Amino acid sequence: MGEKHLANIMWEYDNWIPWQLRQINLQDIHNKKQKSLLDTWKSGINTHNTQTIQQKLQNVQELPNIWCSVPEWFMDRLKEALNSYVEGQWVVSIMLIGALAEYFSFWKIEDYIKEKGIGGVLKHSTKGGIYNQDERIRLLRNLRIIDDKKFTCLNKIRETRNKYVHLKTLEDKHDAKLDALASIKLLIQIINKRNKPPKSITVTI
């Protein structure tokens, strides 16, 4: 397992741990050995964004306060997006926040249809219907499900996500960490019930 730079253009990478693990029965390995195998795996997937323990804690510090009520699928993906940010997986976090913003849009349109029928959706949909996020968030605003502030938040998330999905160059000139944090903060603005912790939350360190 290893990597080396080739001609200042490409990196050659090999990792045989998946193959090695398929040759053994994991149930026969004690916990200490399992941890050692995972540590070996982690060392083989380090990137220049791999974070130290202190950096991870600083990343947690940078995240906004969160208090929301959301469906379970949404909650699990939100946790994954937050953890990706803490681990230094900035682009993964951006993609997940983008997916959550799309989920939010479908969720709110579906709730509207269940309560009021599809008439308003048909009346206020633009040329793209609900088949792309740009049109969905415009529909949400037209139906007054979201206000202009939430519309702006959703649109900024969409634009950031698209910047990393639809690459115009192979060189990453964006600051992915800043974009990831901005996207997280925008989504939290949309779903948060309150920003300040209740009095029962105290510093326990």
Foldseek 3Di string as FASTA:
>chain_A
DDWDDDPVPDIDADDCLVVVVVVDDPVVDDPVVVVVSVVVVVVRPDDPQADDPVQLVVQVVLAFDADFDDDPVLVVLLVVLSVCLSRRVLLSNLQSLLVSLLVVLVVLLVVCCVVPNCVLQVVQQDPVRSPDQLRSLSSCVVVVVDDPLLSVLSVLSNVLNCCVVVDPDPDPPDPSSVSSRSSSVSVRVVGGPDRDDDPVDDDDD
